N, C-alpha and C. Protein backbone atom coordinates (compact mmCIF):
# COMPACT_ATOMS: atom_id res chain seq x y z
N MET A 1 -21.81 -0.36 -6.96
CA MET A 1 -20.66 -1.19 -6.61
C MET A 1 -20.54 -1.08 -4.84
N SER A 2 -19.91 -1.96 -4.22
CA SER A 2 -19.88 -2.13 -2.83
C SER A 2 -18.81 -1.30 -2.30
N GLN A 3 -19.18 -0.69 -1.05
CA GLN A 3 -18.21 0.13 -0.41
C GLN A 3 -17.90 -0.58 1.04
N THR A 4 -16.49 -0.33 1.60
CA THR A 4 -16.56 -1.19 2.80
C THR A 4 -15.14 0.00 3.52
N GLN A 5 -15.32 -0.24 4.83
CA GLN A 5 -14.22 0.42 5.81
C GLN A 5 -13.74 -0.62 6.68
N ASN A 6 -12.47 -0.64 6.65
CA ASN A 6 -11.67 -1.45 7.65
C ASN A 6 -10.53 -0.84 8.23
N ILE A 7 -10.19 -1.30 9.50
CA ILE A 7 -8.79 -0.79 10.23
C ILE A 7 -7.66 -1.79 9.84
N GLU A 8 -6.76 -1.25 9.15
CA GLU A 8 -5.50 -2.01 8.76
C GLU A 8 -4.31 -1.99 10.03
N ILE A 9 -4.04 -2.97 10.30
CA ILE A 9 -2.89 -3.12 11.45
C ILE A 9 -1.80 -3.94 10.81
N GLU A 10 -0.66 -3.33 10.38
CA GLU A 10 0.39 -3.99 9.96
C GLU A 10 1.69 -3.47 10.41
N PHE A 11 2.49 -4.40 10.15
CA PHE A 11 4.06 -4.26 10.61
C PHE A 11 4.84 -4.46 9.33
N LYS A 12 5.87 -3.61 9.28
CA LYS A 12 6.64 -3.56 7.89
C LYS A 12 8.00 -3.45 8.13
N ASN A 13 9.01 -4.06 7.38
CA ASN A 13 10.34 -3.91 7.51
C ASN A 13 11.04 -4.10 6.15
N MET A 14 11.75 -3.03 5.72
CA MET A 14 12.50 -3.05 4.42
C MET A 14 13.54 -4.17 4.41
N LEU A 15 13.75 -5.06 3.29
CA LEU A 15 14.68 -6.00 3.18
C LEU A 15 15.69 -5.68 2.24
N THR A 16 16.67 -6.33 2.18
CA THR A 16 17.80 -6.31 1.06
C THR A 16 17.28 -7.52 0.20
N LYS A 17 17.99 -7.54 -0.92
CA LYS A 17 17.64 -8.56 -1.86
C LYS A 17 17.80 -10.03 -1.39
N LYS A 18 18.85 -10.07 -0.68
CA LYS A 18 19.46 -11.23 -0.10
C LYS A 18 18.45 -11.74 1.01
N GLU A 19 17.86 -10.84 1.79
CA GLU A 19 16.93 -11.16 2.93
C GLU A 19 15.69 -11.59 2.25
N TYR A 20 15.22 -11.04 1.29
CA TYR A 20 13.99 -11.18 0.52
C TYR A 20 14.02 -12.59 0.14
N GLU A 21 15.01 -12.93 -0.56
CA GLU A 21 15.26 -14.31 -1.33
C GLU A 21 15.49 -15.32 0.18
N LEU A 22 15.90 -14.87 1.05
CA LEU A 22 16.02 -16.01 2.28
C LEU A 22 14.67 -16.14 2.87
N LEU A 23 13.69 -15.15 2.86
CA LEU A 23 12.33 -15.19 3.38
C LEU A 23 11.70 -16.24 2.38
N LEU A 24 11.76 -16.01 0.92
CA LEU A 24 11.12 -16.97 -0.01
C LEU A 24 11.43 -18.37 0.29
N THR A 25 12.70 -18.69 0.47
CA THR A 25 13.11 -19.89 0.74
C THR A 25 12.56 -20.57 2.03
N HIS A 26 12.82 -19.83 3.06
CA HIS A 26 12.20 -19.93 4.45
C HIS A 26 10.66 -20.33 4.34
N PHE A 27 9.89 -19.66 3.71
CA PHE A 27 8.52 -20.02 3.88
C PHE A 27 8.17 -20.75 2.55
N HIS A 28 9.06 -21.44 1.87
CA HIS A 28 8.78 -22.39 0.63
C HIS A 28 7.78 -21.72 -0.22
N ILE A 29 8.20 -20.41 -0.69
CA ILE A 29 7.31 -19.99 -1.65
C ILE A 29 8.09 -20.13 -3.11
N GLN A 30 7.13 -20.66 -3.88
CA GLN A 30 7.49 -20.92 -5.25
C GLN A 30 7.05 -19.76 -6.38
N ASP A 31 7.65 -19.98 -7.49
CA ASP A 31 7.32 -18.98 -8.39
C ASP A 31 5.85 -18.68 -8.81
N GLY A 32 5.18 -19.89 -8.77
CA GLY A 32 3.75 -20.08 -9.03
C GLY A 32 3.04 -19.32 -7.96
N ASP A 33 3.65 -19.13 -6.64
CA ASP A 33 2.89 -18.47 -5.74
C ASP A 33 2.94 -16.83 -5.64
N LEU A 34 3.85 -16.39 -6.62
CA LEU A 34 4.07 -15.06 -6.79
C LEU A 34 2.67 -14.35 -7.70
N PHE A 35 2.50 -13.22 -7.35
CA PHE A 35 1.37 -12.55 -8.43
C PHE A 35 1.90 -11.02 -8.24
N GLU A 36 1.21 -10.47 -9.37
CA GLU A 36 1.48 -9.06 -9.56
C GLU A 36 0.28 -8.17 -9.29
N GLN A 37 0.58 -6.95 -8.80
CA GLN A 37 -0.47 -6.00 -8.67
C GLN A 37 0.04 -4.57 -9.02
N GLU A 38 -0.65 -3.71 -9.15
CA GLU A 38 -0.21 -2.23 -9.55
C GLU A 38 -1.13 -1.30 -8.61
N ASN A 39 -0.25 -0.42 -8.08
CA ASN A 39 -0.86 0.67 -7.35
C ASN A 39 -0.98 1.88 -8.08
N HIS A 40 -1.84 2.76 -8.29
CA HIS A 40 -1.64 3.87 -8.88
C HIS A 40 -2.04 5.10 -8.03
N TYR A 41 -1.38 5.98 -7.77
CA TYR A 41 -1.23 7.00 -6.63
C TYR A 41 -1.80 8.34 -7.24
N PHE A 42 -2.61 9.11 -6.16
CA PHE A 42 -3.17 10.34 -6.51
C PHE A 42 -2.87 11.12 -5.37
N ASP A 43 -2.76 12.46 -5.62
CA ASP A 43 -2.63 13.63 -4.84
C ASP A 43 -2.91 14.81 -5.22
N THR A 44 -2.67 16.03 -4.52
CA THR A 44 -2.72 17.31 -5.20
C THR A 44 -1.47 17.84 -5.51
N SER A 45 -1.38 18.86 -6.27
CA SER A 45 -0.03 19.31 -6.72
C SER A 45 0.82 19.72 -5.49
N ASP A 46 0.15 20.03 -4.32
CA ASP A 46 1.12 20.41 -3.34
C ASP A 46 0.95 19.33 -2.09
N PHE A 47 0.82 18.02 -2.56
CA PHE A 47 0.85 16.96 -1.61
C PHE A 47 0.10 16.88 -0.44
N ALA A 48 -1.22 17.69 -0.73
CA ALA A 48 -2.25 17.77 0.67
C ALA A 48 -2.44 16.28 1.29
N LEU A 49 -2.75 15.30 0.70
CA LEU A 49 -2.89 14.04 1.19
C LEU A 49 -1.77 13.64 1.88
N LYS A 50 -0.75 13.77 1.56
CA LYS A 50 0.62 13.45 2.13
C LYS A 50 0.67 14.14 3.30
N ALA A 51 0.36 15.49 3.26
CA ALA A 51 0.41 16.38 4.56
C ALA A 51 -0.45 15.88 5.67
N ASN A 52 -1.49 15.28 5.24
CA ASN A 52 -2.46 14.72 6.04
C ASN A 52 -2.39 13.31 6.54
N HIS A 53 -1.01 12.83 6.26
CA HIS A 53 -0.65 11.14 6.43
C HIS A 53 -1.75 10.32 5.95
N SER A 54 -2.27 10.68 4.62
CA SER A 54 -3.23 9.87 3.99
C SER A 54 -2.76 9.64 2.57
N ALA A 55 -3.50 8.75 2.05
CA ALA A 55 -3.13 8.24 0.69
C ALA A 55 -4.38 7.67 -0.02
N LEU A 56 -4.45 8.15 -1.39
CA LEU A 56 -5.37 7.65 -2.24
C LEU A 56 -4.83 6.78 -3.24
N ARG A 57 -5.43 5.75 -3.68
CA ARG A 57 -4.66 4.78 -4.68
C ARG A 57 -5.78 3.99 -5.40
N ILE A 58 -5.58 3.59 -6.50
CA ILE A 58 -6.43 2.57 -7.24
C ILE A 58 -5.63 1.22 -7.39
N ARG A 59 -5.99 0.25 -7.01
CA ARG A 59 -5.03 -0.95 -7.11
C ARG A 59 -5.67 -1.82 -8.22
N LYS A 60 -4.89 -2.28 -9.00
CA LYS A 60 -5.31 -3.32 -9.95
C LYS A 60 -4.69 -4.77 -9.48
N LYS A 61 -5.53 -5.59 -9.53
CA LYS A 61 -5.08 -6.76 -8.87
C LYS A 61 -5.90 -7.80 -9.89
N ASN A 62 -5.20 -8.66 -10.63
CA ASN A 62 -5.94 -9.64 -11.75
C ASN A 62 -6.58 -8.74 -12.61
N ASP A 63 -8.03 -8.83 -12.69
CA ASP A 63 -8.63 -7.91 -13.59
C ASP A 63 -9.63 -6.97 -12.87
N GLY A 64 -9.27 -6.92 -11.57
CA GLY A 64 -10.14 -6.22 -10.51
C GLY A 64 -9.46 -4.75 -10.35
N TYR A 65 -10.23 -3.91 -9.98
CA TYR A 65 -9.71 -2.51 -9.58
C TYR A 65 -10.43 -2.17 -8.29
N GLU A 66 -9.82 -1.40 -7.39
CA GLU A 66 -10.38 -0.94 -6.12
C GLU A 66 -9.55 0.27 -5.68
N LEU A 67 -10.46 1.30 -5.48
CA LEU A 67 -10.26 2.57 -5.03
C LEU A 67 -9.96 2.69 -3.59
N THR A 68 -9.10 3.12 -2.98
CA THR A 68 -8.68 3.05 -1.49
C THR A 68 -8.30 4.58 -1.08
N LEU A 69 -8.94 4.96 0.11
CA LEU A 69 -8.49 6.12 0.55
C LEU A 69 -8.14 5.54 1.95
N LYS A 70 -6.63 5.84 2.39
CA LYS A 70 -6.13 5.30 3.70
C LYS A 70 -5.92 6.61 4.42
N GLN A 71 -6.50 6.59 5.79
CA GLN A 71 -6.41 7.70 6.68
C GLN A 71 -5.75 7.37 8.08
N PRO A 72 -5.24 8.33 8.81
CA PRO A 72 -4.68 7.74 10.04
C PRO A 72 -5.97 7.47 10.91
N HIS A 73 -5.54 6.29 11.92
CA HIS A 73 -6.64 5.93 12.75
C HIS A 73 -5.71 5.46 14.16
N PRO A 74 -6.40 5.67 15.30
CA PRO A 74 -5.62 5.40 16.74
C PRO A 74 -5.02 3.71 16.60
N ASP A 75 -5.83 2.86 15.92
CA ASP A 75 -5.38 1.51 15.71
C ASP A 75 -4.50 1.21 14.75
N GLY A 76 -4.31 2.06 13.72
CA GLY A 76 -3.59 1.72 12.52
C GLY A 76 -3.95 2.65 11.47
N LEU A 77 -4.53 2.27 10.32
CA LEU A 77 -4.99 3.19 9.32
C LEU A 77 -6.44 2.73 8.90
N LEU A 78 -7.18 3.86 8.64
CA LEU A 78 -8.51 3.68 8.25
C LEU A 78 -8.76 3.62 6.72
N GLU A 79 -9.20 2.47 6.17
CA GLU A 79 -9.16 2.26 4.89
C GLU A 79 -10.62 2.46 4.32
N THR A 80 -11.00 3.15 3.46
CA THR A 80 -12.40 3.24 2.86
C THR A 80 -12.15 2.77 1.30
N ASN A 81 -12.78 1.67 1.02
CA ASN A 81 -12.59 0.99 -0.31
C ASN A 81 -13.73 1.04 -1.16
N LYS A 82 -13.58 1.02 -2.26
CA LYS A 82 -14.85 0.81 -3.28
C LYS A 82 -14.28 0.13 -4.66
N VAL A 83 -14.89 -0.83 -4.99
CA VAL A 83 -14.54 -1.56 -6.01
C VAL A 83 -15.09 -0.69 -7.50
N LEU A 84 -14.01 -0.76 -8.40
CA LEU A 84 -14.38 -0.07 -9.67
C LEU A 84 -14.39 -1.00 -10.87
N SER A 85 -15.22 -0.50 -11.93
CA SER A 85 -15.03 -1.26 -13.38
C SER A 85 -13.65 -0.77 -13.90
N LYS A 86 -13.41 -1.49 -14.99
CA LYS A 86 -12.05 -0.94 -15.64
C LYS A 86 -12.29 0.42 -16.16
N GLU A 87 -13.50 0.51 -16.73
CA GLU A 87 -13.85 2.02 -17.36
C GLU A 87 -13.90 3.22 -16.38
N GLU A 88 -14.29 2.95 -15.14
CA GLU A 88 -14.32 3.80 -14.12
C GLU A 88 -12.89 4.31 -13.78
N SER A 89 -12.06 3.05 -13.84
CA SER A 89 -10.69 3.33 -13.16
C SER A 89 -10.04 4.32 -14.34
N GLU A 90 -10.15 3.80 -15.40
CA GLU A 90 -9.29 4.44 -16.54
C GLU A 90 -9.90 5.86 -16.74
N ALA A 91 -11.09 6.36 -16.60
CA ALA A 91 -11.49 7.55 -16.43
C ALA A 91 -10.93 8.40 -15.33
N ILE A 92 -10.75 7.92 -14.39
CA ILE A 92 -10.30 8.60 -13.07
C ILE A 92 -8.57 8.78 -13.53
N PHE A 93 -7.76 7.60 -14.16
CA PHE A 93 -6.56 7.75 -14.52
C PHE A 93 -6.46 9.01 -15.49
N ALA A 94 -7.35 9.10 -16.44
CA ALA A 94 -7.30 10.14 -17.57
C ALA A 94 -7.60 11.57 -16.95
N THR A 95 -8.64 11.70 -15.90
CA THR A 95 -9.14 12.98 -15.37
C THR A 95 -8.50 13.26 -14.06
N GLY A 96 -8.30 12.26 -13.13
CA GLY A 96 -8.01 12.51 -11.80
C GLY A 96 -9.27 12.74 -11.03
N LYS A 97 -10.52 12.92 -11.57
CA LYS A 97 -11.71 13.01 -11.22
C LYS A 97 -12.26 11.84 -10.21
N ILE A 98 -12.30 11.88 -8.89
CA ILE A 98 -12.79 11.03 -8.05
C ILE A 98 -14.54 11.06 -8.07
N ASN A 99 -15.41 10.12 -8.55
CA ASN A 99 -16.67 10.40 -8.54
C ASN A 99 -17.41 9.75 -7.54
N ASP A 100 -16.64 9.41 -6.44
CA ASP A 100 -17.36 8.56 -5.40
C ASP A 100 -17.67 9.54 -4.29
N LYS A 101 -18.97 9.56 -3.93
CA LYS A 101 -19.34 10.61 -2.94
C LYS A 101 -18.84 10.49 -1.74
N LYS A 102 -18.59 9.12 -0.98
CA LYS A 102 -18.21 8.79 0.13
C LYS A 102 -16.73 9.37 0.33
N ILE A 103 -15.81 9.09 -0.61
CA ILE A 103 -14.39 9.35 -0.62
C ILE A 103 -14.32 10.74 -0.81
N SER A 104 -15.17 11.53 -1.55
CA SER A 104 -15.21 12.90 -1.97
C SER A 104 -15.62 13.53 -0.72
N SER A 105 -16.41 13.10 0.15
CA SER A 105 -16.67 13.74 1.23
C SER A 105 -15.76 13.70 2.48
N LEU A 106 -14.93 12.48 2.44
CA LEU A 106 -13.83 12.43 3.42
C LEU A 106 -12.60 13.33 3.15
N LEU A 107 -12.54 13.52 1.63
CA LEU A 107 -11.48 14.50 1.21
C LEU A 107 -11.79 15.99 1.56
N VAL A 108 -13.18 16.23 1.44
CA VAL A 108 -13.52 17.68 1.88
C VAL A 108 -13.39 17.77 3.43
N GLU A 109 -13.59 16.82 4.18
CA GLU A 109 -13.36 16.89 5.77
C GLU A 109 -11.91 17.10 6.08
N MET A 110 -10.98 16.69 5.11
CA MET A 110 -9.53 17.14 5.32
C MET A 110 -9.19 18.60 4.71
N ASN A 111 -10.32 19.17 4.21
CA ASN A 111 -9.86 20.36 3.59
C ASN A 111 -9.33 20.40 2.25
N ILE A 112 -9.49 18.99 1.66
CA ILE A 112 -9.05 18.75 0.29
C ILE A 112 -9.97 18.86 -0.79
N GLU A 113 -10.05 19.72 -1.83
CA GLU A 113 -11.02 19.85 -2.71
C GLU A 113 -10.78 18.82 -3.76
N PRO A 114 -11.89 17.83 -3.92
CA PRO A 114 -11.85 16.66 -4.67
C PRO A 114 -11.32 16.96 -6.26
N ALA A 115 -11.73 18.20 -6.63
CA ALA A 115 -11.46 18.62 -7.91
C ALA A 115 -9.83 18.86 -8.00
N SER A 116 -9.06 18.85 -6.99
CA SER A 116 -7.81 19.26 -7.00
C SER A 116 -6.88 17.89 -6.95
N ILE A 117 -7.39 16.76 -7.04
CA ILE A 117 -6.62 15.60 -7.14
C ILE A 117 -6.12 15.27 -8.51
N LEU A 118 -4.88 14.99 -8.48
CA LEU A 118 -4.02 14.64 -9.74
C LEU A 118 -3.69 13.18 -9.74
N TYR A 119 -3.46 12.62 -10.91
CA TYR A 119 -3.05 11.30 -10.88
C TYR A 119 -1.33 11.39 -11.13
N PHE A 120 -0.53 10.66 -10.23
CA PHE A 120 0.89 10.78 -10.07
C PHE A 120 1.73 9.64 -10.74
N GLY A 121 0.86 8.38 -10.90
CA GLY A 121 1.80 7.44 -11.56
C GLY A 121 1.66 6.20 -10.83
N SER A 122 2.46 5.18 -11.24
CA SER A 122 2.09 3.82 -10.67
C SER A 122 3.24 3.19 -9.97
N LEU A 123 3.05 2.18 -9.12
CA LEU A 123 4.11 1.32 -8.44
C LEU A 123 3.56 -0.14 -8.67
N ARG A 124 4.48 -0.88 -9.48
CA ARG A 124 4.19 -2.33 -9.66
C ARG A 124 4.93 -3.24 -8.65
N THR A 125 3.98 -4.23 -8.07
CA THR A 125 4.80 -5.00 -6.99
C THR A 125 4.51 -6.69 -7.46
N ILE A 126 5.49 -7.26 -7.10
CA ILE A 126 5.41 -8.70 -7.31
C ILE A 126 5.41 -9.26 -5.79
N ARG A 127 4.22 -9.76 -5.64
CA ARG A 127 3.67 -10.15 -4.02
C ARG A 127 3.66 -11.67 -3.90
N ALA A 128 4.14 -11.99 -2.82
CA ALA A 128 3.72 -13.36 -2.28
C ALA A 128 2.99 -13.21 -0.89
N GLU A 129 2.17 -14.19 -0.65
CA GLU A 129 1.26 -14.04 0.64
C GLU A 129 1.24 -15.31 1.40
N LYS A 130 1.36 -15.30 2.51
CA LYS A 130 1.24 -16.46 3.21
C LYS A 130 0.50 -16.52 4.76
N THR A 131 -0.57 -17.09 5.04
CA THR A 131 -1.22 -17.14 6.25
C THR A 131 -0.22 -17.63 7.41
N ILE A 132 0.09 -16.96 8.32
CA ILE A 132 1.09 -17.41 9.38
C ILE A 132 0.46 -16.86 10.71
N GLY A 133 0.31 -17.74 11.66
CA GLY A 133 0.04 -17.55 12.95
C GLY A 133 -1.33 -16.93 12.85
N ASN A 134 -1.57 -15.68 13.46
CA ASN A 134 -2.87 -15.09 13.25
C ASN A 134 -2.90 -13.88 12.32
N GLY A 135 -2.14 -13.95 11.33
CA GLY A 135 -2.15 -12.86 10.31
C GLY A 135 -1.55 -13.30 8.96
N LEU A 136 -1.43 -12.16 8.00
CA LEU A 136 -1.28 -12.51 6.82
C LEU A 136 0.35 -11.85 6.60
N LEU A 137 1.38 -12.88 6.03
CA LEU A 137 2.67 -12.32 5.92
C LEU A 137 2.74 -11.96 4.45
N VAL A 138 3.40 -10.94 4.07
CA VAL A 138 3.28 -10.29 2.63
C VAL A 138 4.77 -10.24 2.36
N LEU A 139 5.27 -10.74 1.33
CA LEU A 139 6.57 -10.33 0.72
C LEU A 139 6.38 -9.54 -0.54
N ASP A 140 7.02 -8.36 -0.54
CA ASP A 140 6.94 -7.42 -1.94
C ASP A 140 8.31 -7.16 -2.52
N HIS A 141 8.16 -7.32 -3.84
CA HIS A 141 9.09 -6.52 -4.59
C HIS A 141 8.54 -5.66 -5.58
N SER A 142 9.00 -4.29 -5.17
CA SER A 142 8.16 -3.29 -6.00
C SER A 142 9.18 -2.49 -6.96
N PHE A 143 8.48 -2.07 -7.81
CA PHE A 143 9.17 -1.24 -9.05
C PHE A 143 8.45 0.11 -9.09
N TYR A 144 8.98 1.15 -9.20
CA TYR A 144 8.42 2.59 -9.16
C TYR A 144 9.53 3.58 -9.49
N LEU A 145 9.11 4.59 -10.36
CA LEU A 145 9.83 5.68 -10.72
C LEU A 145 11.39 5.42 -11.02
N LYS A 146 11.87 4.33 -11.88
CA LYS A 146 13.08 3.83 -11.82
C LYS A 146 13.74 3.32 -10.71
N LYS A 147 12.93 2.80 -9.67
CA LYS A 147 13.77 2.42 -8.50
C LYS A 147 12.93 0.96 -8.38
N GLU A 148 13.70 0.21 -7.33
CA GLU A 148 12.93 -1.17 -7.07
C GLU A 148 13.40 -1.27 -5.65
N ASP A 149 12.65 -1.89 -4.77
CA ASP A 149 12.93 -2.30 -3.23
C ASP A 149 11.94 -3.52 -2.95
N TYR A 150 12.41 -3.99 -1.70
CA TYR A 150 12.00 -5.42 -1.19
C TYR A 150 11.42 -4.96 0.20
N GLU A 151 10.29 -5.54 0.60
CA GLU A 151 9.69 -5.34 1.84
C GLU A 151 9.04 -6.60 2.54
N LEU A 152 8.95 -6.72 3.90
CA LEU A 152 8.21 -7.69 4.49
C LEU A 152 6.94 -6.89 5.26
N GLU A 153 5.85 -7.42 5.19
CA GLU A 153 4.60 -6.94 5.92
C GLU A 153 3.99 -8.00 6.43
N TYR A 154 3.41 -7.75 7.72
CA TYR A 154 2.56 -8.73 8.44
C TYR A 154 1.24 -7.86 8.91
N GLU A 155 0.21 -8.41 8.27
CA GLU A 155 -1.06 -7.78 8.42
C GLU A 155 -1.94 -8.59 9.61
N VAL A 156 -2.44 -7.83 10.58
CA VAL A 156 -3.00 -8.55 11.86
C VAL A 156 -4.12 -7.81 12.13
N SER A 157 -4.88 -8.71 13.03
CA SER A 157 -6.04 -8.02 13.60
C SER A 157 -5.73 -7.71 15.05
N ASN A 158 -4.79 -8.45 15.72
CA ASN A 158 -4.38 -8.23 17.13
C ASN A 158 -3.02 -7.47 17.15
N ARG A 159 -2.76 -6.26 17.43
CA ARG A 159 -1.52 -5.55 17.32
C ARG A 159 -0.38 -6.23 18.23
N GLU A 160 -0.74 -6.51 19.41
CA GLU A 160 -0.04 -7.07 20.42
C GLU A 160 0.85 -8.35 20.20
N GLU A 161 -0.17 -9.32 19.61
CA GLU A 161 0.30 -10.69 19.11
C GLU A 161 1.16 -10.53 17.63
N GLY A 162 0.67 -9.71 17.00
CA GLY A 162 1.37 -9.46 15.58
C GLY A 162 2.77 -8.92 15.80
N GLU A 163 2.87 -8.12 16.61
CA GLU A 163 4.04 -7.43 17.15
C GLU A 163 5.24 -8.57 17.54
N ILE A 164 4.71 -9.30 18.44
CA ILE A 164 5.57 -10.35 19.08
C ILE A 164 5.87 -11.31 18.04
N TYR A 165 4.97 -11.72 17.31
CA TYR A 165 5.49 -12.69 15.99
C TYR A 165 6.34 -12.09 15.27
N PHE A 166 6.09 -10.82 14.76
CA PHE A 166 6.95 -10.21 13.58
C PHE A 166 8.38 -10.16 14.07
N THR A 167 8.39 -9.46 15.30
CA THR A 167 9.83 -9.29 15.95
C THR A 167 10.67 -10.62 16.12
N GLU A 168 9.97 -11.59 16.49
CA GLU A 168 10.58 -12.89 16.62
C GLU A 168 11.09 -13.52 15.31
N LEU A 169 10.17 -13.11 14.31
CA LEU A 169 10.68 -13.83 13.03
C LEU A 169 11.92 -12.91 12.36
N LEU A 170 11.95 -11.67 12.52
CA LEU A 170 13.19 -11.01 12.19
C LEU A 170 14.35 -11.28 12.81
N SER A 171 14.20 -11.52 14.27
CA SER A 171 15.05 -11.95 15.23
C SER A 171 15.65 -13.25 14.70
N SER A 172 14.90 -14.13 14.55
CA SER A 172 15.25 -15.75 14.17
C SER A 172 15.97 -15.63 13.05
N LEU A 173 15.85 -14.81 11.89
CA LEU A 173 16.26 -14.91 10.74
C LEU A 173 17.59 -13.80 10.50
N ASN A 174 17.85 -13.19 11.89
CA ASN A 174 19.01 -12.16 11.87
C ASN A 174 18.78 -11.02 10.82
N ILE A 175 17.54 -10.60 10.69
CA ILE A 175 17.32 -9.53 9.83
C ILE A 175 17.26 -8.15 10.71
N PRO A 176 17.81 -7.26 10.53
CA PRO A 176 17.92 -6.04 11.43
C PRO A 176 16.40 -5.33 11.18
N VAL A 177 15.92 -4.64 12.33
CA VAL A 177 14.62 -4.03 12.33
C VAL A 177 15.20 -2.70 11.55
N ARG A 178 14.24 -2.36 10.63
CA ARG A 178 14.50 -1.06 9.77
C ARG A 178 13.38 -0.19 9.92
N LYS A 179 13.42 1.16 10.36
CA LYS A 179 12.23 1.95 10.34
C LYS A 179 11.79 2.00 8.70
N THR A 180 10.46 1.53 8.46
CA THR A 180 9.92 1.36 7.07
C THR A 180 8.84 2.49 6.84
N LYS A 181 9.02 3.17 5.81
CA LYS A 181 8.03 4.07 5.27
C LYS A 181 6.97 2.98 4.53
N ASN A 182 5.82 3.30 4.37
CA ASN A 182 4.67 2.56 3.50
C ASN A 182 5.10 3.02 2.08
N LYS A 183 4.68 2.19 1.26
CA LYS A 183 4.88 2.10 -0.27
C LYS A 183 4.49 3.59 -0.92
N VAL A 184 3.36 4.10 -0.54
CA VAL A 184 2.87 5.49 -1.03
C VAL A 184 4.11 6.51 -0.59
N ARG A 185 4.43 6.59 0.68
CA ARG A 185 5.24 7.47 1.35
C ARG A 185 6.59 7.24 0.39
N ARG A 186 7.09 6.05 0.13
CA ARG A 186 8.32 6.08 -0.67
C ARG A 186 8.15 6.43 -1.92
N PHE A 187 6.92 6.08 -2.53
CA PHE A 187 6.66 6.75 -4.04
C PHE A 187 6.78 8.20 -3.98
N TYR A 188 5.88 8.81 -3.03
CA TYR A 188 5.68 10.22 -2.77
C TYR A 188 6.96 10.96 -2.66
N GLU A 189 7.85 10.36 -1.96
CA GLU A 189 9.18 11.07 -1.68
C GLU A 189 10.03 10.97 -2.96
N GLU A 190 10.10 9.72 -3.82
CA GLU A 190 10.89 9.68 -4.81
C GLU A 190 10.30 10.69 -5.91
N LYS A 191 8.85 10.84 -6.05
CA LYS A 191 8.18 11.78 -6.87
C LYS A 191 8.64 13.04 -6.67
N TYR A 192 8.63 13.38 -5.36
CA TYR A 192 9.01 14.70 -4.84
C TYR A 192 10.33 15.02 -5.22
N LYS A 193 11.27 14.21 -5.01
CA LYS A 193 12.69 14.32 -5.41
C LYS A 193 12.97 14.67 -6.88
N GLN A 194 12.08 13.95 -7.65
CA GLN A 194 12.25 14.03 -9.13
C GLN A 194 11.53 15.28 -9.64
N LYS A 195 10.84 15.91 -8.80
CA LYS A 195 10.08 17.31 -9.23
C LYS A 195 10.95 18.49 -9.06
N LYS A 196 12.08 18.29 -8.14
CA LYS A 196 13.01 19.41 -7.94
C LYS A 196 13.85 19.64 -9.02
């Protein structure tokens, strides 16, 4: 199965339900434009990936599965991706065992023993995507650990241009800029709260 690496540059902002609905209307997004995906998250019992500002997930989208390790990078996040079969994914959910050499070696470089990885649970997202300007605008309604939230993301290849567009969009719709943690961080913090 193929393996890729890429740099992810994105801007994020949490939304209220009302702001989320305003953006759906503003960008003429219909029910038929929405699709569902599930992120399944992994870490060690002491949150070693979280401590390294990294994340490991399997994303299920339509009938496809992709394993992704996200790590800090000067320009954004370095993503290492591997397409998995349904059987490979289900084996990882059942055992937590990551059988990929590249991802296992990256874990070892962070002093994380691949055998210590555990399956933590899933986050389900109803997503809409629209190509706008030089980037991809993403509207997400997520459900996890008995919570739900709304979020706007803008994925770009040029940080400066992306930031200008994203800031202007929020300003034009009177949406306040909110410091926004990524989904895995929100999921982990909720999971951590529930463990106490």
